[in-house]
Every structure is written in C-alpha cells, then in structure tokens.
Amino acid sequence: MILVSAAMKIHEDEFVKTFEVFIQLGDIVAIALMYVKRFLQGIDISLKLIVAFVPTAFIGFLAYDFIKAYPFNPVIVSIS
C-alpha cells in the first residue's frame, strides 16, 4: 500500500488513513478468529502472549517517533 500510494502520488489525507486502517483491521480480525480457540484454551498461552506484548509495547512507546518516520517511507519499504 505504501509503494502504490507513492507511485500513484496519493496524498495521505484522513480518507486514505481510514482506508488503510480498515484494510489492516480485516487482517487482524482474520488472525484473531483463526486463533481464538488457542487463545482461550488455557492460561499458558495467555501468559506467553502478555509476556511477549509488554516489552514490545515498551519499545514501541520509546521508539514512537522513529517508527512513524522511517518504516512508512517508500524508499525504506523498497529496500526491505
């Protein structure tokens, strides 16, 4: 989506941001539905999920400015 938006010179306005969120929300819901039984099976998987989330959230909070600036750059996406 990032590369196509850059190639077509689509400016990021509120509609484009909302569209991208809804597209990604569909992916998230599909994965959640696929694994809902596994998440609800026991405390073990839930505990592992929480343990994995906490450091990720902390690093994301600290690196917010970097995350907003670089990973959504079309050049960085192309190289990656």
C-alpha atoms as a PDB file:
ATOM      1  CA  MET A   1       0.000   0.000   0.000  1.00  0.00           C
ATOM      2  CA  ILE A   2       2.880   2.329   0.792  1.00  0.00           C
ATOM      3  CA  LEU A   3       4.605   1.763  -2.549  1.00  0.00           C
ATOM      4  CA  VAL A   4       1.418   2.019  -4.603  1.00  0.00           C
ATOM      5  CA  SER A   5       0.394   5.214  -2.812  1.00  0.00           C
ATOM      6  CA  ALA A   6       3.810   6.729  -3.527  1.00  0.00           C
ATOM      7  CA  ALA A   7       3.795   5.598  -7.178  1.00  0.00           C
ATOM      8  CA  MET A   8       0.310   6.985  -7.768  1.00  0.00           C
ATOM      9  CA  LYS A   9       1.132  10.169  -5.806  1.00  0.00           C
ATOM     10  CA  ILE A  10      -1.821   9.692  -3.485  1.00  0.00           C
ATOM     11  CA  HIS A  11      -1.589  12.192  -0.655  1.00  0.00           C
ATOM     12  CA  GLU A  12      -2.245  10.897   2.839  1.00  0.00           C
ATOM     13  CA  ASP A  13      -5.459  12.505   3.941  1.00  0.00           C
ATOM     14  CA  GLU A  14      -7.960  11.256   6.507  1.00  0.00           C
ATOM     15  CA  PHE A  15      -9.780   9.050   3.979  1.00  0.00           C
ATOM     16  CA  VAL A  16      -6.584   7.243   2.947  1.00  0.00           C
ATOM     17  CA  LYS A  17      -5.567   6.709   6.579  1.00  0.00           C
ATOM     18  CA  THR A  18      -9.034   5.382   7.430  1.00  0.00           C
ATOM     19  CA  PHE A  19      -8.991   3.073   4.399  1.00  0.00           C
ATOM     20  CA  GLU A  20      -5.596   1.644   5.391  1.00  0.00           C
ATOM     21  CA  VAL A  21      -6.766   1.079   8.968  1.00  0.00           C
ATOM     22  CA  PHE A  22      -9.864  -0.813   7.790  1.00  0.00           C
ATOM     23  CA  ILE A  23      -7.812  -2.942   5.384  1.00  0.00           C
ATOM     24  CA  GLN A  24      -5.407  -3.897   8.187  1.00  0.00           C
ATOM     25  CA  LEU A  25      -8.246  -4.376  10.659  1.00  0.00           C
ATOM     26  CA  GLY A  26      -9.619  -7.117   8.413  1.00  0.00           C
ATOM     27  CA  ASP A  27      -6.287  -8.952   8.618  1.00  0.00           C
ATOM     28  CA  ILE A  28      -6.164  -8.623  12.389  1.00  0.00           C
ATOM     29  CA  VAL A  29      -9.718  -9.926  12.801  1.00  0.00           C
ATOM     30  CA  ALA A  30      -8.990 -12.871  10.489  1.00  0.00           C
ATOM     31  CA  ILE A  31      -5.934 -13.881  12.543  1.00  0.00           C
ATOM     32  CA  ALA A  32      -7.802 -13.399  15.815  1.00  0.00           C
ATOM     33  CA  LEU A  33     -10.665 -15.615  14.611  1.00  0.00           C
ATOM     34  CA  MET A  34      -8.212 -18.218  13.387  1.00  0.00           C
ATOM     35  CA  TYR A  35      -6.507 -18.471  16.786  1.00  0.00           C
ATOM     36  CA  VAL A  36      -9.396 -17.713  19.176  1.00  0.00           C
ATOM     37  CA  LYS A  37      -9.685 -21.344  20.326  1.00  0.00           C
ATOM     38  CA  ARG A  38      -5.969 -21.494  21.040  1.00  0.00           C
ATOM     39  CA  PHE A  39      -6.034 -18.216  22.996  1.00  0.00           C
ATOM     40  CA  LEU A  40      -8.927 -19.438  25.145  1.00  0.00           C
ATOM     41  CA  GLN A  41      -7.548 -22.945  25.784  1.00  0.00           C
ATOM     42  CA  GLY A  42      -5.605 -22.119  28.860  1.00  0.00           C
ATOM     43  CA  ILE A  43      -3.679 -19.634  30.913  1.00  0.00           C
ATOM     44  CA  ASP A  44      -0.359 -20.787  29.445  1.00  0.00           C
ATOM     45  CA  ILE A  45      -0.834 -19.216  26.000  1.00  0.00           C
ATOM     46  CA  SER A  46      -2.389 -16.086  27.509  1.00  0.00           C
ATOM     47  CA  LEU A  47       0.554 -15.642  29.852  1.00  0.00           C
ATOM     48  CA  LYS A  48       3.006 -16.083  26.966  1.00  0.00           C
ATOM     49  CA  LEU A  49       1.070 -13.542  24.929  1.00  0.00           C
ATOM     50  CA  ILE A  50       1.185 -10.997  27.759  1.00  0.00           C
ATOM     51  CA  VAL A  51       4.904 -11.600  28.358  1.00  0.00           C
ATOM     52  CA  ALA A  52       5.575 -11.048  24.645  1.00  0.00           C
ATOM     53  CA  PHE A  53       3.389  -7.933  24.489  1.00  0.00           C
ATOM     54  CA  VAL A  54       4.850  -5.977  27.407  1.00  0.00           C
ATOM     55  CA  PRO A  55       8.409  -5.483  26.045  1.00  0.00           C
ATOM     56  CA  THR A  56       7.045  -4.830  22.562  1.00  0.00           C
ATOM     57  CA  ALA A  57       4.708  -2.131  23.877  1.00  0.00           C
ATOM     58  CA  PHE A  58       7.525  -0.571  25.929  1.00  0.00           C
ATOM     59  CA  ILE A  59       9.918  -0.447  22.966  1.00  0.00           C
ATOM     60  CA  GLY A  60       7.151   0.861  20.723  1.00  0.00           C
ATOM     61  CA  PHE A  61       6.402   3.634  23.210  1.00  0.00           C
ATOM     62  CA  LEU A  62      10.067   4.660  23.391  1.00  0.00           C
ATOM     63  CA  ALA A  63      10.661   4.461  19.622  1.00  0.00           C
ATOM     64  CA  TYR A  64       7.366   6.062  18.533  1.00  0.00           C
ATOM     65  CA  ASP A  65       8.961   8.955  16.614  1.00  0.00           C
ATOM     66  CA  PHE A  66      11.377   6.629  14.794  1.00  0.00           C
ATOM     67  CA  ILE A  67       8.576   4.196  13.933  1.00  0.00           C
ATOM     68  CA  LYS A  68       6.400   6.985  12.499  1.00  0.00           C
ATOM     69  CA  ALA A  69       9.251   8.464  10.425  1.00  0.00           C
ATOM     70  CA  TYR A  70      11.130   5.595   8.830  1.00  0.00           C
ATOM     71  CA  PRO A  71       9.207   2.335   8.303  1.00  0.00           C
ATOM     72  CA  PHE A  72       6.491   4.097   6.279  1.00  0.00           C
ATOM     73  CA  ASN A  73       8.975   5.693   3.899  1.00  0.00           C
ATOM     74  CA  PRO A  74       8.692   4.226   0.345  1.00  0.00           C
ATOM     75  CA  VAL A  75      12.474   4.015  -0.041  1.00  0.00           C
ATOM     76  CA  ILE A  76      12.847   2.016   3.184  1.00  0.00           C
ATOM     77  CA  VAL A  77       9.957  -0.255   2.177  1.00  0.00           C
ATOM     78  CA  SER A  78      11.565  -0.878  -1.225  1.00  0.00           C
ATOM     79  CA  ILE A  79      14.930  -1.754   0.298  1.00  0.00           C
ATOM     80  CA  SER A  80      13.341  -4.024   2.878  1.00  0.00           C
END
